[in-house]
Amino acid sequence: MAIRPIICLPDPRLRLVCEPVAKIDDEIRTLLDDMLETMYDAPGIGLAAIQIAVPKRVVVMDVARQDTPPQPLCIINPEIVWASEEKNTHEEGCLSIPEYYEDVERPARVRVRFLDRDGAQQEIEADGLLATCFQHEIDHLNGVLFIDHISRLKRERAIKRYTKAAKRDDGGIVQTDRPKSASRDKIR
């Protein structure tokens, strides 16, 4: 397993639509293991493969609280097959937009169909934090960032802030040094 660099806004690869995984093999399982290690190290509760510059429909998540044992989910080719009309608001952040948080309204419950690391089809109905995390990470696979769900003014300010930072950092589109004190209990 290896910790991989996380690409950050304004890297244009974050806007790519990811390709489905045709075959779950050792390469995909290694990718999943590396993603979990990268996510836990960041720390975060979800990571899409595109965030480590791999344009495949692969996600890892773990919304377990810090004081409980890890409960990692490995998700391949996910699709939301149902979403509630009822909405919920969570403060979201993103490992690819470090230290930036905003309230985002999304469906309160979703049903997600996906393949697990062994290729078995799974379906989960999720609510609360897990539902939000599923939606956030699946958005990544479609080239959508959480800032696309906030007001245009806030989104433009965030993009401008990270574009300036990237220029100052000589293109700093890869974030590898993150504060380790951040909570895993937020959408990141």
Foldseek 3Di string as FASTA:
>chain_A
DAAAWFFAPPPQLLQDQAAADPDQDPVNVVLQVNQVVNCVQLPAFKDASVRRPHRYQWMKGFQDFPVDDTDIFTFGPKDWPDFDPAKDWFWADDSRLPPDTDIAIDGQWTWMWTAGSVRDIDIDIDGDPVRVLVVQRSCSNNSHHRLVRDDPVVSVVSNVVVVVVCVVVVNPRIDDDHDRPDGRNGHD
